Amino acid sequence: MGSDVVMTDHEAIATLIAKHALYADEGDADQRAALYSQDGEFIGPDGITTPGIDAIHAVFTRRQPVKGKHVTTNVIIDIDGDEATGRTDFVFLLAGDQGFTVAAVGHYEDGFVRTEDGWRFARRRIVPQR
């Protein structure tokens, strides 16, 4: 794909969602945190809210990478000007000696904002299926 290709807003947000899963799997806290707006929020599966990109980066840095794969699907994105909301189902597959096992299932509830650097997460909430 050439650098002159322009993505639609929907494609840009879907790519943002995919990058979040990729960087989580790779344990890349720097790239993952950079997907958030400066005043973004990350709400973990425990319900704890982490406000601001610096605090989000610290949380991602402290977490030990878990060998596995995030699979995202059923992405729904609603765009309203420079803001958007989304819901994405996920499955986390944990890697082990005998292959992969399902470790978590749920969905993400996201808020997005268009910045001068492109679309970023304004908010990501992990909602585990219980």
N, C-alpha and C. Protein backbone atom coordinates (compact mmCIF):
# COMPACT_ATOMS: atom_id res chain seq x y z
N MET A 1 0.85 -1.17 0.00
CA MET A 1 0.00 0.00 0.00
C MET A 1 0.89 1.23 0.00
N GLY A 2 0.66 2.15 -0.90
CA GLY A 2 1.47 3.35 -1.00
C GLY A 2 1.10 4.37 0.06
N SER A 3 1.99 5.32 0.29
CA SER A 3 1.76 6.34 1.31
C SER A 3 0.70 7.35 0.89
N ASP A 4 0.30 7.34 -0.38
CA ASP A 4 -0.71 8.29 -0.85
C ASP A 4 -2.13 7.75 -0.69
N VAL A 5 -2.27 6.55 -0.11
CA VAL A 5 -3.58 5.97 0.10
C VAL A 5 -4.21 6.62 1.34
N VAL A 6 -5.44 7.06 1.20
CA VAL A 6 -6.16 7.71 2.29
C VAL A 6 -7.23 6.74 2.80
N MET A 7 -7.22 6.53 4.12
CA MET A 7 -8.23 5.67 4.73
C MET A 7 -9.47 6.49 5.08
N THR A 8 -10.60 5.84 5.04
CA THR A 8 -11.81 6.47 5.55
C THR A 8 -11.70 6.52 7.08
N ASP A 9 -12.54 7.31 7.71
CA ASP A 9 -12.54 7.36 9.18
C ASP A 9 -12.81 5.98 9.76
N HIS A 10 -13.75 5.27 9.18
CA HIS A 10 -14.08 3.93 9.66
C HIS A 10 -12.86 3.01 9.58
N GLU A 11 -12.17 3.04 8.47
CA GLU A 11 -10.97 2.20 8.31
C GLU A 11 -9.87 2.61 9.29
N ALA A 12 -9.71 3.90 9.51
CA ALA A 12 -8.68 4.38 10.44
C ALA A 12 -8.97 3.91 11.86
N ILE A 13 -10.23 3.96 12.27
CA ILE A 13 -10.60 3.51 13.61
C ILE A 13 -10.47 2.00 13.73
N ALA A 14 -10.88 1.27 12.71
CA ALA A 14 -10.72 -0.20 12.73
C ALA A 14 -9.24 -0.57 12.81
N THR A 15 -8.39 0.18 12.15
CA THR A 15 -6.95 -0.07 12.21
C THR A 15 -6.42 0.24 13.61
N LEU A 16 -6.92 1.29 14.23
CA LEU A 16 -6.55 1.63 15.60
C LEU A 16 -6.88 0.48 16.55
N ILE A 17 -8.07 -0.08 16.40
CA ILE A 17 -8.49 -1.22 17.23
C ILE A 17 -7.56 -2.41 17.01
N ALA A 18 -7.23 -2.69 15.76
CA ALA A 18 -6.33 -3.82 15.45
C ALA A 18 -4.94 -3.59 16.02
N LYS A 19 -4.44 -2.36 15.93
CA LYS A 19 -3.11 -2.06 16.47
C LYS A 19 -3.08 -2.26 17.99
N HIS A 20 -4.17 -1.91 18.66
CA HIS A 20 -4.22 -2.08 20.12
C HIS A 20 -4.03 -3.56 20.47
N ALA A 21 -4.71 -4.44 19.76
CA ALA A 21 -4.56 -5.88 20.01
C ALA A 21 -3.14 -6.34 19.69
N LEU A 22 -2.60 -5.90 18.56
CA LEU A 22 -1.26 -6.29 18.15
C LEU A 22 -0.22 -5.86 19.17
N TYR A 23 -0.26 -4.60 19.60
CA TYR A 23 0.73 -4.09 20.54
C TYR A 23 0.58 -4.73 21.91
N ALA A 24 -0.64 -5.08 22.30
CA ALA A 24 -0.84 -5.80 23.56
C ALA A 24 -0.17 -7.17 23.47
N ASP A 25 -0.37 -7.86 22.35
CA ASP A 25 0.23 -9.19 22.17
C ASP A 25 1.74 -9.13 22.13
N GLU A 26 2.28 -8.06 21.55
CA GLU A 26 3.73 -7.92 21.44
C GLU A 26 4.36 -7.34 22.71
N GLY A 27 3.54 -6.90 23.66
CA GLY A 27 4.06 -6.30 24.88
C GLY A 27 4.70 -4.95 24.65
N ASP A 28 4.23 -4.22 23.63
CA ASP A 28 4.80 -2.93 23.28
C ASP A 28 4.00 -1.80 23.94
N ALA A 29 4.39 -1.47 25.18
CA ALA A 29 3.67 -0.46 25.95
C ALA A 29 3.75 0.92 25.31
N ASP A 30 4.88 1.25 24.70
CA ASP A 30 5.05 2.57 24.09
C ASP A 30 4.07 2.77 22.95
N GLN A 31 4.04 1.83 22.02
CA GLN A 31 3.14 1.95 20.86
C GLN A 31 1.68 1.86 21.27
N ARG A 32 1.39 0.98 22.24
CA ARG A 32 0.01 0.81 22.69
C ARG A 32 -0.51 2.10 23.34
N ALA A 33 0.27 2.70 24.24
CA ALA A 33 -0.16 3.92 24.91
C ALA A 33 -0.30 5.08 23.93
N ALA A 34 0.53 5.09 22.88
CA ALA A 34 0.48 6.16 21.88
C ALA A 34 -0.83 6.16 21.09
N LEU A 35 -1.62 5.12 21.22
CA LEU A 35 -2.92 5.04 20.54
C LEU A 35 -4.00 5.85 21.27
N TYR A 36 -3.66 6.39 22.45
CA TYR A 36 -4.62 7.13 23.27
C TYR A 36 -4.42 8.63 23.12
N SER A 37 -5.50 9.39 23.31
CA SER A 37 -5.39 10.85 23.36
C SER A 37 -4.71 11.22 24.68
N GLN A 38 -4.21 12.43 24.76
CA GLN A 38 -3.50 12.87 25.97
C GLN A 38 -4.34 12.70 27.23
N ASP A 39 -5.64 12.95 27.13
CA ASP A 39 -6.53 12.83 28.29
C ASP A 39 -7.39 11.56 28.23
N GLY A 40 -6.91 10.56 27.49
CA GLY A 40 -7.65 9.31 27.34
C GLY A 40 -7.81 8.56 28.65
N GLU A 41 -8.74 7.62 28.65
CA GLU A 41 -8.99 6.77 29.82
C GLU A 41 -8.93 5.31 29.41
N PHE A 42 -8.34 4.50 30.29
CA PHE A 42 -8.34 3.06 30.12
C PHE A 42 -9.01 2.46 31.34
N ILE A 43 -10.04 1.66 31.11
CA ILE A 43 -10.78 1.02 32.20
C ILE A 43 -10.59 -0.48 32.05
N GLY A 44 -9.87 -1.05 33.00
CA GLY A 44 -9.53 -2.47 32.94
C GLY A 44 -10.71 -3.36 33.29
N PRO A 45 -10.51 -4.67 33.17
CA PRO A 45 -11.59 -5.62 33.46
C PRO A 45 -12.01 -5.60 34.94
N ASP A 46 -11.16 -5.04 35.80
CA ASP A 46 -11.47 -4.90 37.22
C ASP A 46 -12.27 -3.64 37.51
N GLY A 47 -12.52 -2.82 36.48
CA GLY A 47 -13.30 -1.59 36.63
C GLY A 47 -12.48 -0.39 37.07
N ILE A 48 -11.18 -0.56 37.26
CA ILE A 48 -10.32 0.55 37.67
C ILE A 48 -10.03 1.44 36.47
N THR A 49 -10.29 2.75 36.64
CA THR A 49 -10.07 3.72 35.57
C THR A 49 -8.68 4.34 35.71
N THR A 50 -7.95 4.34 34.61
CA THR A 50 -6.64 4.98 34.54
C THR A 50 -6.77 6.17 33.60
N PRO A 51 -6.68 7.41 34.15
CA PRO A 51 -6.84 8.60 33.32
C PRO A 51 -5.51 9.18 32.86
N GLY A 52 -5.44 9.58 31.60
CA GLY A 52 -4.27 10.27 31.07
C GLY A 52 -3.25 9.33 30.46
N ILE A 53 -2.66 9.78 29.37
CA ILE A 53 -1.75 8.94 28.59
C ILE A 53 -0.52 8.50 29.39
N ASP A 54 -0.01 9.36 30.27
CA ASP A 54 1.17 8.98 31.05
C ASP A 54 0.85 7.85 32.02
N ALA A 55 -0.30 7.94 32.68
CA ALA A 55 -0.71 6.89 33.61
C ALA A 55 -1.04 5.60 32.86
N ILE A 56 -1.66 5.72 31.69
CA ILE A 56 -1.95 4.55 30.87
C ILE A 56 -0.66 3.87 30.46
N HIS A 57 0.33 4.66 30.04
CA HIS A 57 1.63 4.10 29.66
C HIS A 57 2.25 3.36 30.85
N ALA A 58 2.16 3.94 32.03
CA ALA A 58 2.72 3.30 33.23
C ALA A 58 2.04 1.96 33.51
N VAL A 59 0.72 1.90 33.36
CA VAL A 59 0.00 0.64 33.57
C VAL A 59 0.45 -0.40 32.55
N PHE A 60 0.53 -0.01 31.28
CA PHE A 60 0.95 -0.95 30.24
C PHE A 60 2.39 -1.41 30.43
N THR A 61 3.23 -0.52 30.95
CA THR A 61 4.64 -0.85 31.18
C THR A 61 4.80 -1.83 32.35
N ARG A 62 4.00 -1.63 33.40
CA ARG A 62 4.08 -2.50 34.60
C ARG A 62 3.60 -3.92 34.33
N ARG A 63 2.64 -4.05 33.43
CA ARG A 63 2.07 -5.38 33.18
C ARG A 63 3.08 -6.25 32.45
N GLN A 64 3.24 -7.44 32.96
CA GLN A 64 4.10 -8.41 32.28
C GLN A 64 3.35 -8.93 31.05
N PRO A 65 4.02 -8.93 29.90
CA PRO A 65 3.35 -9.47 28.71
C PRO A 65 2.98 -10.94 28.91
N VAL A 66 1.80 -11.28 28.51
CA VAL A 66 1.32 -12.66 28.58
C VAL A 66 1.36 -13.22 27.17
N LYS A 67 1.97 -14.39 27.02
CA LYS A 67 2.09 -14.96 25.68
C LYS A 67 0.72 -15.47 25.24
N GLY A 68 0.21 -14.83 24.19
CA GLY A 68 -1.10 -15.20 23.70
C GLY A 68 -1.49 -14.33 22.52
N LYS A 69 -2.77 -14.37 22.20
CA LYS A 69 -3.27 -13.66 21.02
C LYS A 69 -4.66 -13.09 21.30
N HIS A 70 -4.79 -11.77 21.10
CA HIS A 70 -6.10 -11.13 21.15
C HIS A 70 -6.74 -11.24 19.77
N VAL A 71 -7.95 -11.74 19.72
CA VAL A 71 -8.70 -11.82 18.47
C VAL A 71 -9.91 -10.90 18.63
N THR A 72 -10.02 -9.93 17.73
CA THR A 72 -11.14 -8.99 17.78
C THR A 72 -12.05 -9.21 16.58
N THR A 73 -13.35 -9.03 16.82
CA THR A 73 -14.33 -9.27 15.77
C THR A 73 -15.61 -8.50 16.07
N ASN A 74 -16.54 -8.52 15.14
CA ASN A 74 -17.84 -7.86 15.30
C ASN A 74 -17.67 -6.40 15.70
N VAL A 75 -16.85 -5.69 14.93
CA VAL A 75 -16.53 -4.30 15.21
C VAL A 75 -17.67 -3.41 14.72
N ILE A 76 -18.21 -2.62 15.64
CA ILE A 76 -19.27 -1.67 15.31
C ILE A 76 -18.75 -0.28 15.65
N ILE A 77 -18.74 0.61 14.68
CA ILE A 77 -18.21 1.96 14.86
C ILE A 77 -19.27 2.97 14.42
N ASP A 78 -19.56 3.93 15.29
CA ASP A 78 -20.48 5.02 14.97
C ASP A 78 -19.71 6.33 15.04
N ILE A 79 -19.65 7.03 13.92
CA ILE A 79 -18.87 8.26 13.82
C ILE A 79 -19.80 9.47 13.81
N ASP A 80 -19.43 10.47 14.60
CA ASP A 80 -20.18 11.72 14.66
C ASP A 80 -19.16 12.86 14.65
N GLY A 81 -18.82 13.33 13.45
CA GLY A 81 -17.84 14.41 13.32
C GLY A 81 -16.45 13.96 13.74
N ASP A 82 -15.89 14.62 14.77
CA ASP A 82 -14.55 14.31 15.24
C ASP A 82 -14.55 13.39 16.45
N GLU A 83 -15.70 12.78 16.72
CA GLU A 83 -15.80 11.80 17.80
C GLU A 83 -16.49 10.55 17.27
N ALA A 84 -16.24 9.44 17.94
CA ALA A 84 -16.86 8.19 17.54
C ALA A 84 -16.97 7.27 18.75
N THR A 85 -17.86 6.31 18.64
CA THR A 85 -17.96 5.27 19.65
C THR A 85 -17.85 3.92 18.94
N GLY A 86 -17.51 2.91 19.71
CA GLY A 86 -17.40 1.59 19.11
C GLY A 86 -17.57 0.50 20.14
N ARG A 87 -17.91 -0.65 19.62
CA ARG A 87 -17.99 -1.87 20.43
C ARG A 87 -17.36 -2.98 19.61
N THR A 88 -16.47 -3.73 20.25
CA THR A 88 -15.74 -4.80 19.58
C THR A 88 -15.71 -6.02 20.49
N ASP A 89 -16.10 -7.16 19.99
CA ASP A 89 -15.97 -8.40 20.75
C ASP A 89 -14.52 -8.86 20.71
N PHE A 90 -14.09 -9.54 21.78
CA PHE A 90 -12.74 -10.09 21.80
C PHE A 90 -12.71 -11.47 22.44
N VAL A 91 -11.70 -12.21 22.04
CA VAL A 91 -11.32 -13.47 22.67
C VAL A 91 -9.82 -13.39 22.89
N PHE A 92 -9.36 -13.73 24.09
CA PHE A 92 -7.93 -13.80 24.34
C PHE A 92 -7.54 -15.27 24.45
N LEU A 93 -6.64 -15.68 23.57
CA LEU A 93 -6.15 -17.06 23.55
C LEU A 93 -4.79 -17.10 24.22
N LEU A 94 -4.67 -17.91 25.25
CA LEU A 94 -3.43 -18.05 26.00
C LEU A 94 -2.58 -19.15 25.37
N ALA A 95 -1.33 -18.84 25.07
CA ALA A 95 -0.41 -19.81 24.46
C ALA A 95 0.16 -20.71 25.55
N GLY A 96 0.18 -22.00 25.25
CA GLY A 96 0.76 -22.97 26.18
C GLY A 96 1.49 -24.06 25.43
N ASP A 97 2.03 -24.99 26.16
CA ASP A 97 2.80 -26.08 25.56
C ASP A 97 1.96 -26.94 24.61
N GLN A 98 0.67 -27.03 24.88
CA GLN A 98 -0.22 -27.86 24.06
C GLN A 98 -1.02 -27.05 23.05
N GLY A 99 -0.66 -25.79 22.86
CA GLY A 99 -1.38 -24.93 21.92
C GLY A 99 -2.07 -23.81 22.66
N PHE A 100 -3.16 -23.31 22.09
CA PHE A 100 -3.88 -22.18 22.65
C PHE A 100 -5.13 -22.63 23.39
N THR A 101 -5.44 -21.93 24.48
CA THR A 101 -6.70 -22.14 25.20
C THR A 101 -7.37 -20.78 25.38
N VAL A 102 -8.69 -20.79 25.44
CA VAL A 102 -9.43 -19.55 25.65
C VAL A 102 -9.25 -19.12 27.10
N ALA A 103 -8.70 -17.92 27.28
CA ALA A 103 -8.46 -17.39 28.62
C ALA A 103 -9.48 -16.33 29.01
N ALA A 104 -10.00 -15.58 28.03
CA ALA A 104 -10.96 -14.52 28.32
C ALA A 104 -11.81 -14.24 27.09
N VAL A 105 -13.06 -13.86 27.36
CA VAL A 105 -14.01 -13.49 26.31
C VAL A 105 -14.76 -12.26 26.82
N GLY A 106 -15.03 -11.34 25.93
CA GLY A 106 -15.79 -10.16 26.33
C GLY A 106 -15.90 -9.18 25.19
N HIS A 107 -16.04 -7.91 25.55
CA HIS A 107 -16.08 -6.88 24.52
C HIS A 107 -15.43 -5.60 25.04
N TYR A 108 -15.08 -4.74 24.12
CA TYR A 108 -14.55 -3.42 24.42
C TYR A 108 -15.63 -2.40 24.12
N GLU A 109 -15.75 -1.41 24.99
CA GLU A 109 -16.59 -0.25 24.74
C GLU A 109 -15.65 0.93 24.59
N ASP A 110 -15.60 1.50 23.41
CA ASP A 110 -14.60 2.50 23.09
C ASP A 110 -15.21 3.85 22.75
N GLY A 111 -14.45 4.89 23.08
CA GLY A 111 -14.71 6.23 22.61
C GLY A 111 -13.47 6.67 21.85
N PHE A 112 -13.66 7.35 20.75
CA PHE A 112 -12.54 7.80 19.91
C PHE A 112 -12.66 9.29 19.68
N VAL A 113 -11.50 9.90 19.43
CA VAL A 113 -11.47 11.32 19.12
C VAL A 113 -10.45 11.54 18.00
N ARG A 114 -10.82 12.43 17.08
CA ARG A 114 -9.88 12.78 16.02
C ARG A 114 -8.92 13.84 16.57
N THR A 115 -7.63 13.59 16.46
CA THR A 115 -6.61 14.54 16.91
C THR A 115 -5.81 14.99 15.68
N GLU A 116 -4.87 15.89 15.88
CA GLU A 116 -4.02 16.31 14.76
C GLU A 116 -3.13 15.16 14.29
N ASP A 117 -2.99 14.12 15.11
CA ASP A 117 -2.22 12.92 14.73
C ASP A 117 -3.10 11.80 14.21
N GLY A 118 -4.39 12.06 14.05
CA GLY A 118 -5.32 11.04 13.57
C GLY A 118 -6.23 10.58 14.71
N TRP A 119 -6.97 9.52 14.47
CA TRP A 119 -7.90 9.00 15.46
C TRP A 119 -7.14 8.36 16.61
N ARG A 120 -7.63 8.59 17.83
CA ARG A 120 -7.04 8.03 19.04
C ARG A 120 -8.17 7.56 19.97
N PHE A 121 -7.82 6.66 20.87
CA PHE A 121 -8.76 6.25 21.90
C PHE A 121 -8.94 7.40 22.89
N ALA A 122 -10.17 7.81 23.11
CA ALA A 122 -10.49 8.74 24.18
C ALA A 122 -10.82 7.92 25.44
N ARG A 123 -11.29 6.69 25.20
CA ARG A 123 -11.70 5.82 26.31
C ARG A 123 -11.75 4.39 25.79
N ARG A 124 -11.24 3.48 26.60
CA ARG A 124 -11.41 2.05 26.30
C ARG A 124 -11.79 1.36 27.59
N ARG A 125 -12.90 0.67 27.55
CA ARG A 125 -13.38 -0.10 28.70
C ARG A 125 -13.43 -1.57 28.30
N ILE A 126 -12.78 -2.41 29.11
CA ILE A 126 -12.81 -3.85 28.88
C ILE A 126 -13.98 -4.41 29.69
N VAL A 127 -14.88 -5.11 29.02
CA VAL A 127 -16.04 -5.70 29.69
C VAL A 127 -15.94 -7.22 29.50
N PRO A 128 -15.47 -7.91 30.54
CA PRO A 128 -15.38 -9.37 30.43
C PRO A 128 -16.75 -10.02 30.45
N GLN A 129 -16.88 -11.10 29.73
CA GLN A 129 -18.13 -11.86 29.77
C GLN A 129 -18.02 -12.81 30.95
N ARG A 130 -19.00 -12.78 31.79
CA ARG A 130 -18.95 -13.62 33.00
C ARG A 130 -19.96 -14.72 32.92
